Amino acid sequence: MNVYDKIRGQKFLSFAVILFTLAIGVLIGTVVQTGAKAAKEAAVAPDATPLVIPNAVQTQNEFTRIAKKLEPSVVNISTEYVPKKKVATKAPNGRRRQVQPDDEDQDPDQNGTMQDFMQRFFGGGGGGGGQFGQPDVPSSATGSGVVVDKNGYILTNNHVIEKATKIKVRFTGDLTEYTATVIGADSDTDLAVIHVDRKNLVAAKIGNSDAIQVGDWSVAIGSPLGFQATVTAGIVSALARDVPGDASSVFKHFIQTDAAINPGNSGGPLLNINGEVIGINSMIASRSGGNQGIGFSLPINTAVRVYNNIIQYGHVTRGSIGIRFKPDDSNTQALLKVYGADHGVFVEDLTKGAPAEKAGIKPQDIVVNIAGKPIHKGSELIDTISESPVGEPVKIDLIRDKRMMSLNVIVGDRAKIFPELYGGKAAEEPQADAPDNATTVRFGITVQDIRPADRTRMGYKGDGVMVASVEQGSFADDIGVAKGDVILELNRQAVNSAADIKKIQAALKPGEPVAFHLMRQAGGPRGGDWQSLFLAGKVPEGN
């Protein structure tokens, strides 16, 4: 080995020693630093074990099953109220139509009676639900409903949709708003049936409310305060609860529940542990207006009878025989004994000309049986007679002068026998303001022929009929038809009179497209150039 090779070998050895030393230093530094960091972190909780999230395994119980089963059947209902102008017009029967104030919403602190703090789910705007407040102020509200027929029929409360000019329905998981139409309503039970044009829906299973007992589980589903598909649970607290002071409560023997329900639950279902509908949530007892564990649902057996009447006739007809009786109390019980009965209803007075009077029933008689069914209190008499077919005879056993006797009484129509309880409701609907020579046609408009004076004033020389008025919130209003427009064509058919419009409309079916060809003054009815305008939409149901 020469000198050069020795020198090169020594240099390589020196380089290797230096490189090894540096590597050892870096390794020692890393270990020291990591150890110091670990020691620093461990110092916070040295004996703690990190938590581990397990695999997702869903738990199941009866409430979970009910919620999933009913989710497609419970809907959110939103309503809008656009007031019509306050006008007094002659009704067909000659009576005056008046705009009536809504005075049902009472101050719960006026006194200490039950009636004062029984609150329906009133209140518009803030996600409340139900009835509208000021009758001449535009407002909105929300409520709930339950699908009872796959073809789009929904059961809800009357006060949810009453007076509404627009009703929209939303299903859970579906952002589409479906326009609903009212099939019929019953103010006595506060129920209504609405319909949406959507097929193959999931209908809730109907239960039998006669089978429930105090202490049974109960589940409420709805949109309290606007929060859709909210599920709460509780128990059945009481049965056959009547509300003191409510004139129509004779038909509302409520199921009481402590399942949490609030404004917006109104119209939604109350369910048993099998997921069957046993009631329609209708009222709460509350001094604050919110849930206090006292909710009331109309039994589904009552709701089914109302629903079946509405889908068949559009309204509910109840039987009556026209008697007035003493209330059920201890004094009445003493009175019955004096007159020779151990149970029954004491007849205090009769409606003149009503079936009871015609059949021979007299004041001071005691009704003890109806159609073989013992009668112990006034509500049983009302329920039995109201469910009897109008125009059909019913056998009534009564005690008169301590002697038993029987009479056949032809059941009459309650609304006709007691008109003060129902009178004038339909006739009092406010009417749209329209000229005397205007004709009402469908879609919420009135039209009139264009007179020579109108042509001169407006500078219009064409054909067509003039729109005299447009009802706020109507179909015509929605698509943009305005007062003063001239209708030239409807679905491409010439229009020269109101009769032409009615003829064309008669051939249209809900859901079909309809197009208006209009002329409109650029400056409105006050003047300006006339411009051609085309507006279209789909024919709404019931319009």
Protein backbone atom coordinates (compact mmCIF):
# COMPACT_ATOMS: atom_id res chain seq x y z
CA MET A 1 0.00 0.00 0.00
CA ASN A 2 1.47 3.33 -1.00
CA VAL A 3 1.31 6.57 0.91
CA TYR A 4 -1.59 7.88 -1.20
CA ASP A 5 -3.80 4.92 -0.37
CA LYS A 6 -3.02 5.28 3.34
CA ILE A 7 -4.02 8.92 3.33
CA ARG A 8 -7.30 8.18 1.43
CA GLY A 9 -8.15 5.39 3.87
CA GLN A 10 -7.59 7.62 6.88
CA LYS A 11 -9.84 10.34 5.38
CA PHE A 12 -12.65 7.85 4.74
CA LEU A 13 -12.34 6.54 8.28
CA SER A 14 -12.44 10.03 9.72
CA PHE A 15 -15.52 10.89 7.62
CA ALA A 16 -17.28 7.73 8.75
CA VAL A 17 -16.52 8.48 12.42
CA ILE A 18 -17.88 12.03 12.04
CA LEU A 19 -21.04 10.83 10.26
CA PHE A 20 -21.67 8.17 12.91
CA THR A 21 -21.18 10.69 15.70
CA LEU A 22 -23.68 13.09 14.12
CA ALA A 23 -26.27 10.30 13.68
CA ILE A 24 -25.90 9.28 17.33
CA GLY A 25 -26.37 12.91 18.37
CA VAL A 26 -29.52 13.37 16.28
CA LEU A 27 -30.99 10.13 17.65
CA ILE A 28 -30.24 11.07 21.25
CA GLY A 29 -31.77 14.54 20.70
CA THR A 30 -34.95 13.13 19.20
CA VAL A 31 -35.42 10.66 22.02
CA VAL A 32 -34.81 13.32 24.63
CA GLN A 33 -37.21 15.76 22.94
CA THR A 34 -39.96 13.13 22.45
CA GLY A 35 -39.59 11.98 26.00
CA ALA A 36 -39.78 15.53 27.31
CA LYS A 37 -42.91 16.22 25.19
CA ALA A 38 -44.56 12.98 26.28
CA ALA A 39 -43.71 13.72 29.88
CA LYS A 40 -45.19 17.19 29.52
CA GLU A 41 -48.46 15.86 27.95
CA ALA A 42 -48.81 12.99 30.38
CA ALA A 43 -48.50 15.39 33.23
CA VAL A 44 -52.11 16.67 32.65
CA ALA A 45 -53.77 13.34 33.49
CA PRO A 46 -51.12 10.60 33.63
CA ASP A 47 -53.57 7.92 34.75
CA ALA A 48 -56.31 8.69 32.14
CA THR A 49 -57.18 6.27 29.33
CA PRO A 50 -58.22 7.69 25.92
CA LEU A 51 -61.88 7.10 25.00
CA VAL A 52 -62.84 4.98 22.01
CA ILE A 53 -66.04 5.47 19.97
CA PRO A 54 -67.65 2.06 19.37
CA ASN A 55 -69.22 0.91 16.12
CA ALA A 56 -72.68 2.37 15.50
CA VAL A 57 -75.33 -0.12 16.69
CA GLN A 58 -78.88 1.30 16.78
CA THR A 59 -80.99 0.58 19.84
CA GLN A 60 -84.67 -0.19 19.37
CA ASN A 61 -87.74 0.28 21.55
CA GLU A 62 -91.46 0.66 20.98
CA PHE A 63 -91.25 4.45 20.74
CA THR A 64 -88.55 4.20 18.07
CA ARG A 65 -90.72 1.81 16.08
CA ILE A 66 -93.77 4.09 16.39
CA ALA A 67 -91.80 7.16 15.29
CA LYS A 68 -90.46 5.44 12.18
CA LYS A 69 -93.83 3.93 11.33
CA LEU A 70 -95.79 7.18 11.62
CA GLU A 71 -93.20 9.56 10.18
CA PRO A 72 -94.61 9.42 6.60
CA SER A 73 -98.19 9.86 7.81
CA VAL A 74 -97.90 12.98 9.99
CA VAL A 75 -97.84 16.27 8.09
CA ASN A 76 -97.07 19.89 8.76
CA ILE A 77 -99.85 22.29 7.79
CA SER A 78 -99.15 25.96 7.17
CA THR A 79 -101.93 28.42 6.50
CA GLU A 80 -102.24 32.00 5.34
CA TYR A 81 -105.09 34.35 5.95
CA VAL A 82 -105.60 37.29 3.60
CA PRO A 83 -108.59 39.33 4.81
CA LYS A 84 -111.32 40.35 2.44
CA LYS A 85 -112.67 43.83 2.48
CA LYS A 86 -115.24 44.57 5.16
CA VAL A 87 -118.43 45.01 3.25
CA ALA A 88 -122.03 44.39 4.08
CA THR A 89 -123.89 42.81 1.17
CA LYS A 90 -127.25 41.21 0.73
CA ALA A 91 -127.19 37.43 1.09
CA PRO A 92 -129.46 35.30 -1.11
CA ASN A 93 -131.94 35.02 1.76
CA GLY A 94 -132.03 38.79 2.21
CA ARG A 95 -129.99 38.91 5.42
CA ARG A 96 -126.98 41.17 5.77
CA ARG A 97 -123.56 39.59 5.73
CA GLN A 98 -121.22 40.94 8.39
CA VAL A 99 -117.57 40.46 9.19
CA GLN A 100 -117.51 38.90 12.65
CA PRO A 101 -114.66 39.43 15.14
CA ASP A 102 -112.74 36.41 16.35
CA ASP A 103 -113.12 36.58 20.13
CA GLU A 104 -112.36 32.97 21.02
CA ASP A 105 -108.84 33.61 22.28
CA GLN A 106 -109.23 34.63 25.92
CA ASP A 107 -106.92 36.00 28.57
CA PRO A 108 -106.04 33.11 30.88
CA ASP A 109 -105.64 35.44 33.87
CA GLN A 110 -109.08 37.05 33.89
CA ASN A 111 -110.31 34.68 36.58
CA GLY A 112 -109.61 31.29 38.01
CA THR A 113 -112.12 29.19 36.07
CA MET A 114 -111.17 26.31 33.83
CA GLN A 115 -112.65 28.03 30.81
CA ASP A 116 -110.29 30.98 31.14
CA PHE A 117 -107.12 28.95 30.75
CA MET A 118 -108.36 26.34 28.31
CA GLN A 119 -106.46 27.36 25.22
CA ARG A 120 -106.86 26.05 21.72
CA PHE A 121 -103.65 26.15 19.73
CA PHE A 122 -104.35 29.69 18.53
CA GLY A 123 -101.86 32.30 17.45
CA GLY A 124 -100.49 33.08 14.05
CA GLY A 125 -97.07 33.93 12.85
CA GLY A 126 -94.70 32.61 15.42
CA GLY A 127 -94.97 28.97 14.63
CA GLY A 128 -97.98 28.65 16.84
CA GLY A 129 -100.79 26.90 15.19
CA GLY A 130 -104.38 27.29 14.44
CA GLN A 131 -106.82 30.11 14.58
CA PHE A 132 -106.03 33.55 13.22
CA GLY A 133 -106.18 36.55 15.52
CA GLN A 134 -107.13 39.96 14.11
CA PRO A 135 -109.81 39.35 11.45
CA ASP A 136 -108.65 42.19 9.20
CA VAL A 137 -104.88 41.66 9.40
CA PRO A 138 -102.97 39.26 7.10
CA SER A 139 -101.46 36.45 9.16
CA SER A 140 -100.11 32.92 9.02
CA ALA A 141 -100.13 29.90 11.29
CA THR A 142 -98.99 26.29 11.48
CA GLY A 143 -100.52 23.06 12.68
CA SER A 144 -100.42 19.33 12.12
CA GLY A 145 -102.46 16.63 10.47
CA VAL A 146 -102.50 12.89 9.90
CA VAL A 147 -102.94 11.05 6.61
CA VAL A 148 -105.88 8.63 6.92
CA ASP A 149 -106.26 7.66 3.25
CA LYS A 150 -103.50 6.89 0.74
CA ASN A 151 -105.29 9.03 -1.87
CA GLY A 152 -104.38 12.24 -0.07
CA TYR A 153 -107.06 12.72 2.61
CA ILE A 154 -105.86 14.25 5.85
CA LEU A 155 -107.60 14.66 9.20
CA THR A 156 -106.82 17.78 11.23
CA ASN A 157 -108.47 20.34 13.50
CA ASN A 158 -110.98 22.81 12.12
CA HIS A 159 -109.30 25.68 13.94
CA VAL A 160 -106.05 24.92 12.07
CA ILE A 161 -107.59 25.67 8.67
CA GLU A 162 -110.63 27.75 9.55
CA LYS A 163 -110.71 31.10 7.69
CA ALA A 164 -107.48 30.25 5.84
CA THR A 165 -107.23 31.54 2.28
CA LYS A 166 -104.26 29.26 1.52
CA ILE A 167 -103.40 25.87 2.98
CA LYS A 168 -100.04 24.20 2.35
CA VAL A 169 -99.00 20.71 3.44
CA ARG A 170 -95.48 19.36 3.85
CA PHE A 171 -94.42 15.75 4.42
CA THR A 172 -91.40 14.73 6.46
CA GLY A 173 -88.31 14.58 4.26
CA ASP A 174 -90.06 16.30 1.36
CA LEU A 175 -89.42 20.02 0.79
CA THR A 176 -92.34 20.29 -1.63
CA GLU A 177 -95.34 22.28 -0.40
CA TYR A 178 -98.60 20.75 -1.56
CA THR A 179 -101.68 22.93 -1.89
CA ALA A 180 -104.58 21.51 0.11
CA THR A 181 -108.30 21.98 -0.31
CA VAL A 182 -110.95 21.66 2.38
CA ILE A 183 -113.33 18.75 1.88
CA GLY A 184 -115.44 19.66 4.90
CA ALA A 185 -115.31 20.72 8.53
CA ASP A 186 -117.26 20.27 11.74
CA SER A 187 -117.09 23.04 14.31
CA ASP A 188 -118.84 20.94 16.99
CA THR A 189 -115.90 18.56 17.22
CA ASP A 190 -113.29 20.97 15.82
CA LEU A 191 -112.37 18.55 13.05
CA ALA A 192 -111.70 19.08 9.36
CA VAL A 193 -110.80 16.95 6.35
CA ILE A 194 -108.41 18.36 3.76
CA HIS A 195 -107.03 16.85 0.56
CA VAL A 196 -103.74 17.06 -1.32
CA ASP A 197 -103.13 15.90 -4.87
CA ARG A 198 -100.55 13.24 -4.06
CA LYS A 199 -101.18 9.52 -4.42
CA ASN A 200 -99.82 6.38 -2.74
CA LEU A 201 -99.38 8.02 0.62
CA VAL A 202 -98.86 6.04 3.80
CA ALA A 203 -102.07 6.16 5.83
CA ALA A 204 -101.87 5.87 9.60
CA LYS A 205 -103.55 2.86 11.17
CA ILE A 206 -106.76 3.71 13.02
CA GLY A 207 -107.21 2.30 16.52
CA ASN A 208 -110.24 1.99 18.80
CA SER A 209 -110.34 4.66 21.48
CA ASP A 210 -112.89 2.67 23.50
CA ALA A 211 -110.12 0.19 24.31
CA ILE A 212 -107.72 2.61 26.01
CA GLN A 213 -107.36 2.83 29.78
CA VAL A 214 -105.96 5.38 32.18
CA GLY A 215 -102.24 4.66 32.54
CA ASP A 216 -101.75 3.40 28.96
CA TRP A 217 -98.77 4.78 27.06
CA SER A 218 -99.59 7.61 24.67
CA VAL A 219 -97.42 9.17 21.94
CA ALA A 220 -98.01 12.55 20.30
CA ILE A 221 -96.48 13.46 16.93
CA GLY A 222 -96.76 16.83 15.20
CA SER A 223 -95.16 20.20 14.57
CA PRO A 224 -95.11 22.01 17.93
CA LEU A 225 -94.00 25.63 17.52
CA GLY A 226 -93.22 24.80 13.89
CA PHE A 227 -90.69 22.03 14.62
CA GLN A 228 -91.81 19.32 12.22
CA ALA A 229 -92.01 15.61 13.14
CA THR A 230 -91.58 16.09 16.87
CA VAL A 231 -92.31 12.97 18.97
CA THR A 232 -93.27 13.08 22.65
CA ALA A 233 -94.52 10.35 24.98
CA GLY A 234 -96.55 10.10 28.17
CA ILE A 235 -99.55 8.27 29.52
CA VAL A 236 -103.31 8.53 29.25
CA SER A 237 -104.16 10.65 32.28
CA ALA A 238 -107.96 10.53 32.13
CA LEU A 239 -110.84 9.60 29.87
CA ALA A 240 -114.09 11.32 28.84
CA ARG A 241 -112.95 14.75 29.97
CA ASP A 242 -115.48 17.52 29.25
CA VAL A 243 -114.45 21.17 29.11
CA PRO A 244 -116.61 23.44 31.31
CA GLY A 245 -118.02 26.48 29.56
CA ASP A 246 -117.51 25.20 26.00
CA ALA A 247 -120.97 25.15 24.37
CA SER A 248 -119.88 22.56 21.80
CA SER A 249 -118.06 20.35 24.32
CA VAL A 250 -121.10 18.08 24.49
CA PHE A 251 -119.53 16.25 21.54
CA LYS A 252 -115.93 16.38 22.81
CA HIS A 253 -115.35 13.81 25.54
CA PHE A 254 -111.58 14.17 25.47
CA ILE A 255 -108.71 11.83 26.19
CA GLN A 256 -106.41 13.63 28.62
CA THR A 257 -102.68 12.96 28.28
CA ASP A 258 -99.45 14.24 29.79
CA ALA A 259 -97.48 13.65 26.59
CA ALA A 260 -95.90 17.03 25.89
CA ILE A 261 -97.98 18.91 23.31
CA ASN A 262 -97.72 22.57 22.43
CA PRO A 263 -99.13 25.06 19.92
CA GLY A 264 -98.60 23.50 16.51
CA ASN A 265 -99.37 19.94 17.65
CA SER A 266 -102.99 20.74 16.96
CA GLY A 267 -104.51 18.30 14.47
CA GLY A 268 -101.74 15.74 14.89
CA PRO A 269 -102.33 12.18 16.11
CA LEU A 270 -102.25 10.71 19.58
CA LEU A 271 -101.09 7.09 19.35
CA ASN A 272 -101.18 4.01 21.52
CA ILE A 273 -98.17 1.77 22.09
CA ASN A 274 -99.07 -0.20 18.95
CA GLY A 275 -98.74 2.90 16.78
CA GLU A 276 -102.50 3.15 16.18
CA VAL A 277 -104.23 6.52 16.14
CA ILE A 278 -106.46 6.82 19.22
CA GLY A 279 -107.04 10.58 19.15
CA ILE A 280 -106.59 13.91 17.39
CA ASN A 281 -104.73 16.44 19.55
CA SER A 282 -107.01 19.43 19.99
CA MET A 283 -106.52 21.46 23.17
CA ILE A 284 -104.29 22.12 26.14
CA ALA A 285 -104.98 23.45 29.60
CA SER A 286 -102.34 26.07 30.31
CA ARG A 287 -101.99 29.36 32.13
CA SER A 288 -98.95 30.22 30.03
CA GLY A 289 -100.09 28.93 26.64
CA GLY A 290 -97.40 26.23 26.62
CA ASN A 291 -97.22 22.62 27.72
CA GLN A 292 -98.01 21.91 31.35
CA GLY A 293 -98.69 18.21 31.01
CA ILE A 294 -102.45 18.59 30.44
CA GLY A 295 -103.35 17.95 26.83
CA PHE A 296 -106.64 16.88 25.29
CA SER A 297 -107.26 14.69 22.26
CA LEU A 298 -110.57 13.99 20.60
CA PRO A 299 -111.15 10.21 20.64
CA ILE A 300 -110.58 8.66 17.23
CA ASN A 301 -113.94 6.85 17.36
CA THR A 302 -115.63 10.26 17.36
CA ALA A 303 -113.28 11.53 14.65
CA VAL A 304 -113.98 8.53 12.41
CA ARG A 305 -117.73 9.16 12.51
CA VAL A 306 -117.17 12.81 11.61
CA TYR A 307 -114.71 11.91 8.84
CA ASN A 308 -117.08 9.40 7.26
CA ASN A 309 -119.88 11.97 7.20
CA ILE A 310 -117.65 14.62 5.65
CA ILE A 311 -116.25 12.45 2.85
CA GLN A 312 -119.78 11.28 2.01
CA TYR A 313 -121.82 14.46 2.40
CA GLY A 314 -119.31 17.28 2.85
CA HIS A 315 -120.69 18.10 6.30
CA VAL A 316 -121.91 16.43 9.48
CA THR A 317 -125.60 16.05 10.28
CA ARG A 318 -126.54 15.28 13.88
CA GLY A 319 -129.79 14.08 15.28
CA SER A 320 -131.84 15.89 17.91
CA ILE A 321 -135.31 15.62 19.40
CA GLY A 322 -135.48 19.13 20.86
CA ILE A 323 -135.46 18.80 24.63
CA ARG A 324 -133.71 20.90 27.23
CA PHE A 325 -132.71 19.16 30.42
CA LYS A 326 -131.32 19.94 33.83
CA PRO A 327 -127.57 19.59 34.30
CA ASP A 328 -126.17 16.53 36.05
CA ASP A 329 -125.65 17.43 39.71
CA SER A 330 -126.72 16.37 43.19
CA ASN A 331 -129.88 18.48 43.04
CA THR A 332 -130.94 16.71 39.86
CA GLN A 333 -130.43 13.34 41.52
CA ALA A 334 -132.74 14.40 44.36
CA LEU A 335 -135.26 15.62 41.80
CA LEU A 336 -135.25 12.27 40.02
CA LYS A 337 -136.07 10.44 43.24
CA VAL A 338 -138.98 12.76 43.93
CA TYR A 339 -140.37 12.01 40.47
CA GLY A 340 -139.93 8.27 40.86
CA ALA A 341 -136.68 7.45 39.02
CA ASP A 342 -133.27 6.22 40.14
CA HIS A 343 -131.56 7.36 36.94
CA GLY A 344 -132.30 9.31 33.80
CA VAL A 345 -132.45 12.84 32.40
CA PHE A 346 -135.04 15.28 33.72
CA VAL A 347 -136.83 17.15 30.89
CA GLU A 348 -136.97 20.81 31.84
CA ASP A 349 -138.33 22.30 28.61
CA LEU A 350 -139.05 21.50 24.95
CA THR A 351 -138.34 23.31 21.72
CA LYS A 352 -141.63 24.29 20.19
CA GLY A 353 -142.53 22.15 17.20
CA ALA A 354 -139.54 19.84 17.70
CA PRO A 355 -139.85 16.02 17.44
CA ALA A 356 -140.05 15.53 21.21
CA GLU A 357 -143.05 17.83 21.53
CA LYS A 358 -144.75 16.30 18.48
CA ALA A 359 -144.28 12.78 19.92
CA GLY A 360 -145.88 13.75 23.22
CA ILE A 361 -142.90 14.22 25.55
CA LYS A 362 -143.65 16.80 28.25
CA PRO A 363 -141.70 18.87 30.78
CA GLN A 364 -141.03 16.97 34.01
CA ASP A 365 -140.75 13.66 32.13
CA ILE A 366 -137.63 11.63 32.88
CA VAL A 367 -135.89 9.92 29.94
CA VAL A 368 -134.50 6.62 31.24
CA ASN A 369 -133.78 4.60 28.07
CA ILE A 370 -133.18 5.35 24.40
CA ALA A 371 -133.36 2.47 21.93
CA GLY A 372 -132.96 0.09 24.87
CA LYS A 373 -129.84 1.82 26.17
CA PRO A 374 -129.99 3.14 29.78
CA ILE A 375 -129.46 6.89 30.04
CA HIS A 376 -127.82 8.18 33.21
CA LYS A 377 -126.69 11.67 32.22
CA GLY A 378 -127.28 14.37 29.65
CA SER A 379 -124.15 13.63 27.61
CA GLU A 380 -125.33 10.05 27.06
CA LEU A 381 -128.69 11.33 25.79
CA ILE A 382 -127.02 13.79 23.40
CA ASP A 383 -124.51 11.23 22.12
CA THR A 384 -127.16 8.58 21.51
CA ILE A 385 -129.61 10.89 19.75
CA SER A 386 -126.95 12.75 17.74
CA GLU A 387 -125.72 9.46 16.27
CA SER A 388 -129.24 8.32 15.37
CA PRO A 389 -130.26 8.68 11.71
CA VAL A 390 -132.21 11.86 11.02
CA GLY A 391 -135.75 11.07 9.90
CA GLU A 392 -135.81 7.66 11.56
CA PRO A 393 -137.87 6.77 14.67
CA VAL A 394 -136.21 5.99 17.97
CA LYS A 395 -137.90 4.38 20.97
CA ILE A 396 -137.70 6.44 24.16
CA ASP A 397 -138.67 5.03 27.55
CA LEU A 398 -139.60 7.66 30.11
CA ILE A 399 -141.15 8.04 33.53
CA ARG A 400 -144.12 10.34 33.92
CA ASP A 401 -145.86 10.71 37.27
CA LYS A 402 -143.86 7.72 38.52
CA ARG A 403 -145.18 5.54 35.70
CA MET A 404 -143.10 4.02 32.89
CA MET A 405 -144.18 4.68 29.31
CA SER A 406 -142.68 4.48 25.81
CA LEU A 407 -142.88 6.81 22.81
CA ASN A 408 -141.51 6.64 19.28
CA VAL A 409 -139.84 9.92 18.34
CA ILE A 410 -138.73 10.84 14.80
CA VAL A 411 -135.17 12.17 15.04
CA GLY A 412 -134.72 15.67 13.63
CA ASP A 413 -131.75 17.71 12.39
CA ARG A 414 -129.98 19.38 15.30
CA ALA A 415 -128.97 22.40 13.19
CA LYS A 416 -132.61 23.08 12.32
CA ILE A 417 -133.96 22.47 15.82
CA PHE A 418 -131.37 24.69 17.50
CA PRO A 419 -130.55 27.28 14.78
CA GLU A 420 -129.14 29.65 17.40
CA LEU A 421 -126.17 27.29 17.74
CA TYR A 422 -125.50 27.16 14.00
CA GLY A 423 -127.42 29.98 12.42
CA GLY A 424 -125.95 32.29 9.82
CA LYS A 425 -122.45 30.81 9.69
CA ALA A 426 -122.39 30.35 5.94
CA ALA A 427 -124.36 33.53 5.24
CA GLU A 428 -121.95 35.67 7.22
CA GLU A 429 -118.94 35.06 5.01
CA PRO A 430 -117.67 38.43 3.73
CA GLN A 431 -118.00 38.99 0.00
CA ALA A 432 -115.60 40.59 -2.41
CA ASP A 433 -116.23 44.18 -3.35
CA ALA A 434 -117.50 44.25 -6.94
CA PRO A 435 -119.61 46.56 -9.12
CA ASP A 436 -123.34 45.92 -9.32
CA ASN A 437 -123.11 44.79 -12.97
CA ALA A 438 -120.24 42.34 -12.32
CA THR A 439 -120.58 38.55 -12.63
CA THR A 440 -118.70 36.15 -10.39
CA VAL A 441 -116.80 33.41 -12.17
CA ARG A 442 -114.31 30.85 -10.92
CA PHE A 443 -110.67 31.49 -9.98
CA GLY A 444 -111.56 34.34 -7.59
CA ILE A 445 -112.54 36.99 -10.12
CA THR A 446 -115.61 38.93 -11.15
CA VAL A 447 -115.98 40.24 -14.70
CA GLN A 448 -118.19 42.73 -16.48
CA ASP A 449 -118.95 43.74 -20.04
CA ILE A 450 -116.98 46.70 -21.37
CA ARG A 451 -119.44 49.58 -21.68
CA PRO A 452 -119.07 52.39 -24.23
CA ALA A 453 -118.23 54.80 -21.42
CA ASP A 454 -115.45 52.46 -20.29
CA ARG A 455 -113.99 52.31 -23.77
CA THR A 456 -113.96 56.09 -24.02
CA ARG A 457 -112.43 56.52 -20.58
CA MET A 458 -109.74 53.86 -21.07
CA GLY A 459 -109.12 54.29 -24.77
CA TYR A 460 -109.76 50.63 -25.43
CA LYS A 461 -111.27 49.50 -28.74
CA GLY A 462 -110.85 45.72 -28.64
CA ASP A 463 -113.01 42.78 -27.60
CA GLY A 464 -113.11 40.84 -24.34
CA VAL A 465 -114.50 41.29 -20.84
CA MET A 466 -113.08 43.42 -18.06
CA VAL A 467 -111.91 42.07 -14.69
CA ALA A 468 -114.02 43.97 -12.14
CA SER A 469 -112.36 42.55 -9.00
CA VAL A 470 -109.80 39.96 -7.92
CA GLU A 471 -110.08 38.17 -4.59
CA GLN A 472 -106.89 38.36 -2.54
CA GLY A 473 -105.19 35.00 -2.18
CA SER A 474 -107.20 33.43 -5.00
CA PHE A 475 -105.84 31.48 -7.97
CA ALA A 476 -106.22 34.50 -10.24
CA ASP A 477 -104.37 36.68 -7.73
CA ASP A 478 -101.59 34.10 -7.49
CA ILE A 479 -100.89 34.05 -11.25
CA GLY A 480 -101.07 37.83 -11.56
CA VAL A 481 -104.52 38.74 -12.89
CA ALA A 482 -105.39 42.30 -11.83
CA LYS A 483 -108.45 44.50 -11.63
CA GLY A 484 -108.90 46.41 -14.90
CA ASP A 485 -107.38 43.68 -17.09
CA VAL A 486 -109.35 42.70 -20.19
CA ILE A 487 -109.64 38.96 -20.84
CA LEU A 488 -109.41 38.19 -24.56
CA GLU A 489 -108.97 34.43 -24.47
CA LEU A 490 -109.12 31.57 -21.98
CA ASN A 491 -107.18 28.51 -23.10
CA ARG A 492 -107.04 29.98 -26.62
CA GLN A 493 -110.82 30.30 -26.82
CA ALA A 494 -112.28 33.74 -27.48
CA VAL A 495 -114.02 35.48 -24.57
CA ASN A 496 -116.69 38.10 -25.17
CA SER A 497 -118.93 37.61 -22.14
CA ALA A 498 -119.04 36.13 -18.65
CA ALA A 499 -121.03 33.24 -20.14
CA ASP A 500 -118.08 32.43 -22.40
CA ILE A 501 -115.76 32.20 -19.40
CA LYS A 502 -118.14 29.97 -17.46
CA LYS A 503 -118.55 27.65 -20.42
CA ILE A 504 -114.79 27.25 -20.82
CA GLN A 505 -114.26 26.83 -17.08
CA ALA A 506 -116.91 24.11 -16.87
CA ALA A 507 -114.75 21.85 -19.05
CA LEU A 508 -111.64 22.32 -16.91
CA LYS A 509 -110.61 19.82 -14.26
CA PRO A 510 -108.37 20.34 -11.21
CA GLY A 511 -104.71 20.05 -12.17
CA GLU A 512 -105.24 20.95 -15.83
CA PRO A 513 -103.33 23.92 -17.27
CA VAL A 514 -105.23 27.13 -17.91
CA ALA A 515 -103.91 30.16 -19.81
CA PHE A 516 -105.21 33.72 -19.89
CA HIS A 517 -104.61 36.06 -22.81
CA LEU A 518 -105.09 39.55 -21.38
CA MET A 519 -104.78 43.17 -22.34
CA ARG A 520 -103.43 45.49 -19.66
CA GLN A 521 -102.86 49.22 -19.62
CA ALA A 522 -99.22 50.05 -19.05
CA GLY A 523 -100.21 52.75 -16.59
CA GLY A 524 -102.90 50.65 -14.90
CA PRO A 525 -106.60 51.48 -14.96
CA ARG A 526 -105.79 55.22 -14.89
CA GLY A 527 -104.44 55.22 -18.42
CA GLY A 528 -101.59 54.28 -20.73
CA ASP A 529 -100.86 52.07 -23.70
CA TRP A 530 -102.53 48.66 -23.83
CA GLN A 531 -100.19 45.68 -23.84
CA SER A 532 -100.79 42.00 -24.55
CA LEU A 533 -100.12 39.70 -21.60
CA PHE A 534 -100.19 35.92 -21.11
CA LEU A 535 -100.62 34.32 -17.67
CA ALA A 536 -100.98 30.63 -16.84
CA GLY A 537 -101.27 28.13 -14.03
CA LYS A 538 -102.89 24.84 -13.06
CA VAL A 539 -106.56 24.72 -12.11
CA PRO A 540 -106.76 24.38 -8.32
CA GLU A 541 -109.13 21.97 -6.62
CA GLY A 542 -112.41 23.42 -5.48
CA ASN A 543 -111.98 26.59 -7.53
